[in-house]
Amino acid sequence: MSESTPDLLTDAQRAAVAKLACGCEQAGGIALLCGPGGVGKTTVLADLAAAIGARRSVGLGDAAHWAEAAALPEVVLVDDAHQADEATLGRLLQRCRDRRPAACLVLAGEGRLFTLMARDSRLEQAVRIRVALPAFTLAETRRLLEATLASVAGRPFAVHDAPARAVHEIAAGAPAAVIRLAELAGVVVASRQDGDLSVDDVEAIHGRLSPAAA
């Protein structure tokens, strides 16, 4: 699932990129990025790759791919690492350490990733930095909502307090969920003369998305 946004990174995401970039300077170690689904981990990894890619070789893929790859880049980025098992992650860590010079390993995933680290002392001891991505604040949800609506509707868009809060509560602060709601809302408001978004609109859109998700 794509987590790309039409707006700039949030402060928390920007800070995560900076911390992970520092972690990438420690070859042979692990930098962890954790957070619930939809908070922007994939977005952070993509921005991290862009930030350091001009001076270092970077690769983004899953753990199983890199554990078996013929060659590794200097920085190995693994998304959805919580879906791997500790044996695969352990094998990948060893491959990063065997590379000359050693590669840095960045693992991004949900909470289970911490459990995987704890099961293998080599993995746990290799962690150099831990970064947690929180859910959006109401202000961040509103900014992302307005940016997405503006992109879909093709014009600047200001969202009133009540519908912004409704979107925030329904999405539980997850930017991926905000974007899904906003993209459909953009189609709705673009087709009307008043071009406004109400709480009723938000609830109706959520009702349409919920059966689709089920």
C-alpha atoms as a PDB file:
ATOM      1  CA  MET A   1       0.000   0.000   0.000  1.00  0.00           C
ATOM      2  CA  SER A   2       1.397   3.346  -0.946  1.00  0.00           C
ATOM      3  CA  GLU A   3       1.830   5.917   1.766  1.00  0.00           C
ATOM      4  CA  SER A   4       3.084   8.751  -0.448  1.00  0.00           C
ATOM      5  CA  THR A   5       1.574  12.148   0.279  1.00  0.00           C
ATOM      6  CA  PRO A   6       1.048  15.266  -1.828  1.00  0.00           C
ATOM      7  CA  ASP A   7       2.420  17.401   0.998  1.00  0.00           C
ATOM      8  CA  LEU A   8       5.727  17.789   2.832  1.00  0.00           C
ATOM      9  CA  LEU A   9       6.765  15.389   5.562  1.00  0.00           C
ATOM     10  CA  THR A  10       5.465  16.031   9.046  1.00  0.00           C
ATOM     11  CA  ASP A  11       7.900  17.132  11.747  1.00  0.00           C
ATOM     12  CA  ALA A  12       7.943  13.599  13.181  1.00  0.00           C
ATOM     13  CA  GLN A  13       8.640  12.055   9.772  1.00  0.00           C
ATOM     14  CA  ARG A  14      11.355  14.601   9.027  1.00  0.00           C
ATOM     15  CA  ALA A  15      12.989  13.896  12.390  1.00  0.00           C
ATOM     16  CA  ALA A  16      12.806  10.163  11.671  1.00  0.00           C
ATOM     17  CA  VAL A  17      14.638  10.637   8.358  1.00  0.00           C
ATOM     18  CA  ALA A  18      17.382  12.644  10.093  1.00  0.00           C
ATOM     19  CA  LYS A  19      17.836  10.056  12.869  1.00  0.00           C
ATOM     20  CA  LEU A  20      17.891   7.145  10.461  1.00  0.00           C
ATOM     21  CA  ALA A  21      20.408   8.943   8.249  1.00  0.00           C
ATOM     22  CA  CYS A  22      22.699   9.187  11.281  1.00  0.00           C
ATOM     23  CA  GLY A  23      22.125   5.506  11.953  1.00  0.00           C
ATOM     24  CA  CYS A  24      23.149   4.713   8.394  1.00  0.00           C
ATOM     25  CA  GLU A  25      26.646   5.957   9.210  1.00  0.00           C
ATOM     26  CA  GLN A  26      27.160   2.967  11.542  1.00  0.00           C
ATOM     27  CA  ALA A  27      28.055   0.139   9.182  1.00  0.00           C
ATOM     28  CA  GLY A  28      27.164  -3.354  10.316  1.00  0.00           C
ATOM     29  CA  GLY A  29      24.432  -2.139  12.660  1.00  0.00           C
ATOM     30  CA  ILE A  30      20.654  -1.926  12.552  1.00  0.00           C
ATOM     31  CA  ALA A  31      18.461   1.155  12.565  1.00  0.00           C
ATOM     32  CA  LEU A  32      14.831   0.426  13.517  1.00  0.00           C
ATOM     33  CA  LEU A  33      11.780   2.386  12.346  1.00  0.00           C
ATOM     34  CA  CYS A  34       8.550   1.270  13.993  1.00  0.00           C
ATOM     35  CA  GLY A  35       4.951   2.455  13.998  1.00  0.00           C
ATOM     36  CA  PRO A  36       1.401   1.263  13.390  1.00  0.00           C
ATOM     37  CA  GLY A  37       0.123   0.680   9.869  1.00  0.00           C
ATOM     38  CA  GLY A  38      -0.440   3.783   7.789  1.00  0.00           C
ATOM     39  CA  VAL A  39       1.690   6.298   9.730  1.00  0.00           C
ATOM     40  CA  GLY A  40       4.172   6.853   6.891  1.00  0.00           C
ATOM     41  CA  LYS A  41       7.006   4.347   7.357  1.00  0.00           C
ATOM     42  CA  THR A  42       7.262   3.714   3.609  1.00  0.00           C
ATOM     43  CA  THR A  43       7.241   7.472   2.992  1.00  0.00           C
ATOM     44  CA  VAL A  44      10.124   7.917   5.453  1.00  0.00           C
ATOM     45  CA  LEU A  45      12.139   5.122   3.831  1.00  0.00           C
ATOM     46  CA  ALA A  46      11.640   6.655   0.386  1.00  0.00           C
ATOM     47  CA  ASP A  47      12.751  10.075   1.630  1.00  0.00           C
ATOM     48  CA  LEU A  48      15.727   8.502   3.419  1.00  0.00           C
ATOM     49  CA  ALA A  49      16.774   6.750   0.216  1.00  0.00           C
ATOM     50  CA  ALA A  50      16.567  10.041  -1.678  1.00  0.00           C
ATOM     51  CA  ALA A  51      18.504  11.888   1.027  1.00  0.00           C
ATOM     52  CA  ILE A  52      21.491   9.539   1.147  1.00  0.00           C
ATOM     53  CA  GLY A  53      21.316   8.036  -2.345  1.00  0.00           C
ATOM     54  CA  ALA A  54      23.433  10.750  -3.951  1.00  0.00           C
ATOM     55  CA  ARG A  55      26.515   9.715  -1.958  1.00  0.00           C
ATOM     56  CA  ARG A  56      25.907   6.054  -1.138  1.00  0.00           C
ATOM     57  CA  SER A  57      24.407   3.032  -2.880  1.00  0.00           C
ATOM     58  CA  VAL A  58      20.960   2.310  -1.445  1.00  0.00           C
ATOM     59  CA  GLY A  59      18.497  -0.522  -1.996  1.00  0.00           C
ATOM     60  CA  LEU A  60      14.868  -0.847  -0.891  1.00  0.00           C
ATOM     61  CA  GLY A  61      13.165  -4.256  -0.748  1.00  0.00           C
ATOM     62  CA  ASP A  62      11.917  -6.967   1.574  1.00  0.00           C
ATOM     63  CA  ALA A  63      14.009  -9.040   3.964  1.00  0.00           C
ATOM     64  CA  ALA A  64      13.770 -12.293   1.997  1.00  0.00           C
ATOM     65  CA  HIS A  65      15.016 -10.592  -1.174  1.00  0.00           C
ATOM     66  CA  TRP A  66      18.068  -9.058   0.459  1.00  0.00           C
ATOM     67  CA  ALA A  67      18.893 -12.207   2.441  1.00  0.00           C
ATOM     68  CA  GLU A  68      19.328 -14.054  -0.875  1.00  0.00           C
ATOM     69  CA  ALA A  69      20.514 -11.222  -3.148  1.00  0.00           C
ATOM     70  CA  ALA A  70      23.754 -11.755  -5.041  1.00  0.00           C
ATOM     71  CA  ALA A  71      25.143  -8.420  -3.853  1.00  0.00           C
ATOM     72  CA  LEU A  72      24.175  -5.785  -1.308  1.00  0.00           C
ATOM     73  CA  PRO A  73      24.299  -1.977  -1.529  1.00  0.00           C
ATOM     74  CA  GLU A  74      25.951   0.094   1.202  1.00  0.00           C
ATOM     75  CA  VAL A  75      22.580   0.785   2.809  1.00  0.00           C
ATOM     76  CA  VAL A  76      19.881  -1.897   2.855  1.00  0.00           C
ATOM     77  CA  LEU A  77      16.339  -0.630   3.503  1.00  0.00           C
ATOM     78  CA  VAL A  78      13.712  -3.217   4.426  1.00  0.00           C
ATOM     79  CA  ASP A  79      10.018  -2.314   4.549  1.00  0.00           C
ATOM     80  CA  ASP A  80       7.399  -4.440   6.375  1.00  0.00           C
ATOM     81  CA  ALA A  81      10.204  -6.177   8.257  1.00  0.00           C
ATOM     82  CA  HIS A  82       7.688  -7.383  10.858  1.00  0.00           C
ATOM     83  CA  GLN A  83       6.457  -9.886   8.255  1.00  0.00           C
ATOM     84  CA  ALA A  84       9.824 -11.665   8.212  1.00  0.00           C
ATOM     85  CA  ASP A  85      11.050 -14.210  10.757  1.00  0.00           C
ATOM     86  CA  GLU A  86      14.045 -13.800  13.014  1.00  0.00           C
ATOM     87  CA  ALA A  87      16.061 -16.392  11.071  1.00  0.00           C
ATOM     88  CA  THR A  88      15.723 -14.383   7.844  1.00  0.00           C
ATOM     89  CA  LEU A  89      16.588 -11.138   9.624  1.00  0.00           C
ATOM     90  CA  GLY A  90      19.566 -12.798  11.306  1.00  0.00           C
ATOM     91  CA  ARG A  91      20.837 -14.097   7.970  1.00  0.00           C
ATOM     92  CA  LEU A  92      20.422 -10.645   6.436  1.00  0.00           C
ATOM     93  CA  LEU A  93      22.313  -8.997   9.290  1.00  0.00           C
ATOM     94  CA  GLN A  94      25.206 -11.424   8.822  1.00  0.00           C
ATOM     95  CA  ARG A  95      25.266 -10.715   5.071  1.00  0.00           C
ATOM     96  CA  CYS A  96      25.428  -6.968   5.830  1.00  0.00           C
ATOM     97  CA  ARG A  97      28.361  -7.558   8.174  1.00  0.00           C
ATOM     98  CA  ASP A  98      30.166  -9.821   5.710  1.00  0.00           C
ATOM     99  CA  ARG A  99      30.009  -7.184   2.988  1.00  0.00           C
ATOM    100  CA  ARG A 100      33.227  -5.206   2.476  1.00  0.00           C
ATOM    101  CA  PRO A 101      32.819  -2.522   3.599  1.00  0.00           C
ATOM    102  CA  ALA A 102      29.986  -3.608   5.869  1.00  0.00           C
ATOM    103  CA  ALA A 103      26.466  -2.463   4.975  1.00  0.00           C
ATOM    104  CA  CYS A 104      24.016  -0.650   7.231  1.00  0.00           C
ATOM    105  CA  LEU A 105      20.620  -2.286   7.716  1.00  0.00           C
ATOM    106  CA  VAL A 106      17.423  -0.245   8.208  1.00  0.00           C
ATOM    107  CA  LEU A 107      14.360  -2.242   9.253  1.00  0.00           C
ATOM    108  CA  ALA A 108      10.896  -0.673   9.151  1.00  0.00           C
ATOM    109  CA  GLY A 109       7.813  -2.392  10.488  1.00  0.00           C
ATOM    110  CA  GLU A 110       4.984  -2.597  12.964  1.00  0.00           C
ATOM    111  CA  GLY A 111       5.182  -3.498  16.663  1.00  0.00           C
ATOM    112  CA  ARG A 112       5.975  -7.192  16.090  1.00  0.00           C
ATOM    113  CA  LEU A 113       9.385  -6.089  14.849  1.00  0.00           C
ATOM    114  CA  PHE A 114      10.446  -5.398  18.448  1.00  0.00           C
ATOM    115  CA  THR A 115       9.474  -8.970  19.351  1.00  0.00           C
ATOM    116  CA  LEU A 116      11.573 -10.340  16.491  1.00  0.00           C
ATOM    117  CA  MET A 117      14.560  -8.348  17.707  1.00  0.00           C
ATOM    118  CA  ALA A 118      14.159  -9.665  21.255  1.00  0.00           C
ATOM    119  CA  ARG A 119      14.089 -13.294  20.087  1.00  0.00           C
ATOM    120  CA  ASP A 120      17.625 -13.123  18.678  1.00  0.00           C
ATOM    121  CA  SER A 121      20.353 -11.615  20.844  1.00  0.00           C
ATOM    122  CA  ARG A 122      22.501 -10.863  17.773  1.00  0.00           C
ATOM    123  CA  LEU A 123      19.721  -8.758  16.298  1.00  0.00           C
ATOM    124  CA  GLU A 124      18.986  -6.998  19.584  1.00  0.00           C
ATOM    125  CA  GLN A 125      22.642  -6.161  20.195  1.00  0.00           C
ATOM    126  CA  ALA A 126      23.076  -4.880  16.633  1.00  0.00           C
ATOM    127  CA  VAL A 127      20.405  -2.179  17.036  1.00  0.00           C
ATOM    128  CA  ARG A 128      22.093   1.232  17.054  1.00  0.00           C
ATOM    129  CA  ILE A 129      19.063   3.491  16.844  1.00  0.00           C
ATOM    130  CA  ARG A 130      15.319   3.127  17.371  1.00  0.00           C
ATOM    131  CA  VAL A 131      12.810   5.525  15.837  1.00  0.00           C
ATOM    132  CA  ALA A 132       9.061   5.413  16.512  1.00  0.00           C
ATOM    133  CA  LEU A 133       6.559   7.119  14.194  1.00  0.00           C
ATOM    134  CA  PRO A 134       3.434   8.288  16.021  1.00  0.00           C
ATOM    135  CA  ALA A 135       0.004   8.765  14.529  1.00  0.00           C
ATOM    136  CA  PHE A 136      -0.821  12.224  13.138  1.00  0.00           C
ATOM    137  CA  THR A 137      -2.000  15.065  15.306  1.00  0.00           C
ATOM    138  CA  LEU A 138      -5.275  16.768  14.365  1.00  0.00           C
ATOM    139  CA  ALA A 139      -3.321  19.663  12.826  1.00  0.00           C
ATOM    140  CA  GLU A 140      -1.256  17.257  10.686  1.00  0.00           C
ATOM    141  CA  THR A 141      -4.394  15.401   9.596  1.00  0.00           C
ATOM    142  CA  ARG A 142      -5.994  18.691   8.572  1.00  0.00           C
ATOM    143  CA  ARG A 143      -2.950  19.787   6.591  1.00  0.00           C
ATOM    144  CA  LEU A 144      -2.778  16.462   4.745  1.00  0.00           C
ATOM    145  CA  LEU A 145      -6.544  16.486   4.163  1.00  0.00           C
ATOM    146  CA  GLU A 146      -6.464  19.987   2.670  1.00  0.00           C
ATOM    147  CA  ALA A 147      -3.438  19.181   0.507  1.00  0.00           C
ATOM    148  CA  THR A 148      -5.038  15.986  -0.838  1.00  0.00           C
ATOM    149  CA  LEU A 149      -8.372  17.696  -1.495  1.00  0.00           C
ATOM    150  CA  ALA A 150      -6.619  20.535  -3.306  1.00  0.00           C
ATOM    151  CA  SER A 151      -4.722  18.029  -5.447  1.00  0.00           C
ATOM    152  CA  VAL A 152      -7.876  16.089  -6.395  1.00  0.00           C
ATOM    153  CA  ALA A 153     -10.199  19.094  -6.785  1.00  0.00           C
ATOM    154  CA  GLY A 154      -7.610  21.186  -8.615  1.00  0.00           C
ATOM    155  CA  ARG A 155      -7.957  24.264  -6.411  1.00  0.00           C
ATOM    156  CA  PRO A 156      -6.970  25.507  -2.938  1.00  0.00           C
ATOM    157  CA  PHE A 157      -9.134  23.940  -0.250  1.00  0.00           C
ATOM    158  CA  ALA A 158      -9.858  24.909   3.358  1.00  0.00           C
ATOM    159  CA  VAL A 159     -11.542  22.354   5.626  1.00  0.00           C
ATOM    160  CA  HIS A 160     -13.739  23.455   8.539  1.00  0.00           C
ATOM    161  CA  ASP A 161     -12.990  22.231  12.062  1.00  0.00           C
ATOM    162  CA  ALA A 162     -15.826  19.682  12.366  1.00  0.00           C
ATOM    163  CA  PRO A 163     -15.139  17.664   9.173  1.00  0.00           C
ATOM    164  CA  ALA A 164     -11.395  17.801   9.817  1.00  0.00           C
ATOM    165  CA  ARG A 165     -11.943  16.311  13.274  1.00  0.00           C
ATOM    166  CA  ALA A 166     -14.299  13.687  11.831  1.00  0.00           C
ATOM    167  CA  VAL A 167     -11.664  12.574   9.335  1.00  0.00           C
ATOM    168  CA  HIS A 168      -9.005  12.528  12.065  1.00  0.00           C
ATOM    169  CA  GLU A 169     -11.114  10.349  14.356  1.00  0.00           C
ATOM    170  CA  ILE A 170     -12.189   7.935  11.612  1.00  0.00           C
ATOM    171  CA  ALA A 171      -8.618   7.601  10.324  1.00  0.00           C
ATOM    172  CA  ALA A 172      -7.202   7.299  13.867  1.00  0.00           C
ATOM    173  CA  GLY A 173      -4.434   9.670  12.786  1.00  0.00           C
ATOM    174  CA  ALA A 174      -3.089   7.301  10.102  1.00  0.00           C
ATOM    175  CA  PRO A 175      -2.084   9.322   7.022  1.00  0.00           C
ATOM    176  CA  ALA A 176      -2.795   6.474   4.606  1.00  0.00           C
ATOM    177  CA  ALA A 177      -6.399   6.364   5.862  1.00  0.00           C
ATOM    178  CA  VAL A 178      -6.655  10.170   5.685  1.00  0.00           C
ATOM    179  CA  ILE A 179      -5.563  10.076   2.045  1.00  0.00           C
ATOM    180  CA  ARG A 180      -8.123   7.402   1.151  1.00  0.00           C
ATOM    181  CA  LEU A 181     -10.906   9.471   2.692  1.00  0.00           C
ATOM    182  CA  ALA A 182      -9.633  12.709   1.154  1.00  0.00           C
ATOM    183  CA  GLU A 183      -9.278  11.319  -2.369  1.00  0.00           C
ATOM    184  CA  LEU A 184     -12.919  10.250  -2.465  1.00  0.00           C
ATOM    185  CA  ALA A 185     -13.991  13.481  -0.744  1.00  0.00           C
ATOM    186  CA  GLY A 186     -12.182  15.441  -3.453  1.00  0.00           C
ATOM    187  CA  VAL A 187     -14.250  13.760  -6.145  1.00  0.00           C
ATOM    188  CA  VAL A 188     -17.441  14.520  -4.193  1.00  0.00           C
ATOM    189  CA  VAL A 189     -16.772  18.211  -3.548  1.00  0.00           C
ATOM    190  CA  ALA A 190     -15.435  18.834  -7.068  1.00  0.00           C
ATOM    191  CA  SER A 191     -18.780  17.731  -8.491  1.00  0.00           C
ATOM    192  CA  ARG A 192     -20.829  20.219  -6.453  1.00  0.00           C
ATOM    193  CA  GLN A 193     -21.322  23.944  -6.852  1.00  0.00           C
ATOM    194  CA  ASP A 194     -20.720  24.829  -3.204  1.00  0.00           C
ATOM    195  CA  GLY A 195     -17.508  22.786  -3.211  1.00  0.00           C
ATOM    196  CA  ASP A 196     -17.620  22.337   0.567  1.00  0.00           C
ATOM    197  CA  LEU A 197     -16.999  19.325   2.801  1.00  0.00           C
ATOM    198  CA  SER A 198     -19.312  18.522   5.720  1.00  0.00           C
ATOM    199  CA  VAL A 199     -19.315  15.969   8.531  1.00  0.00           C
ATOM    200  CA  ASP A 200     -22.193  14.190   6.786  1.00  0.00           C
ATOM    201  CA  ASP A 201     -20.023  13.917   3.669  1.00  0.00           C
ATOM    202  CA  VAL A 202     -17.184  12.418   5.699  1.00  0.00           C
ATOM    203  CA  GLU A 203     -19.465   9.857   7.346  1.00  0.00           C
ATOM    204  CA  ALA A 204     -21.049   8.926   4.008  1.00  0.00           C
ATOM    205  CA  ILE A 205     -17.626   8.474   2.407  1.00  0.00           C
ATOM    206  CA  HIS A 206     -16.456   6.353   5.341  1.00  0.00           C
ATOM    207  CA  GLY A 207     -19.582   4.240   4.949  1.00  0.00           C
ATOM    208  CA  ARG A 208     -18.720   3.630   1.322  1.00  0.00           C
ATOM    209  CA  LEU A 209     -15.088   2.745   2.098  1.00  0.00           C
ATOM    210  CA  SER A 210     -15.888   0.394   4.985  1.00  0.00           C
ATOM    211  CA  PRO A 211     -17.762  -2.246   2.923  1.00  0.00           C
ATOM    212  CA  ALA A 212     -15.066  -1.995   0.259  1.00  0.00           C
ATOM    213  CA  ALA A 213     -12.374  -2.657   2.869  1.00  0.00           C
ATOM    214  CA  ALA A 214     -14.335  -5.621   4.237  1.00  0.00           C
END
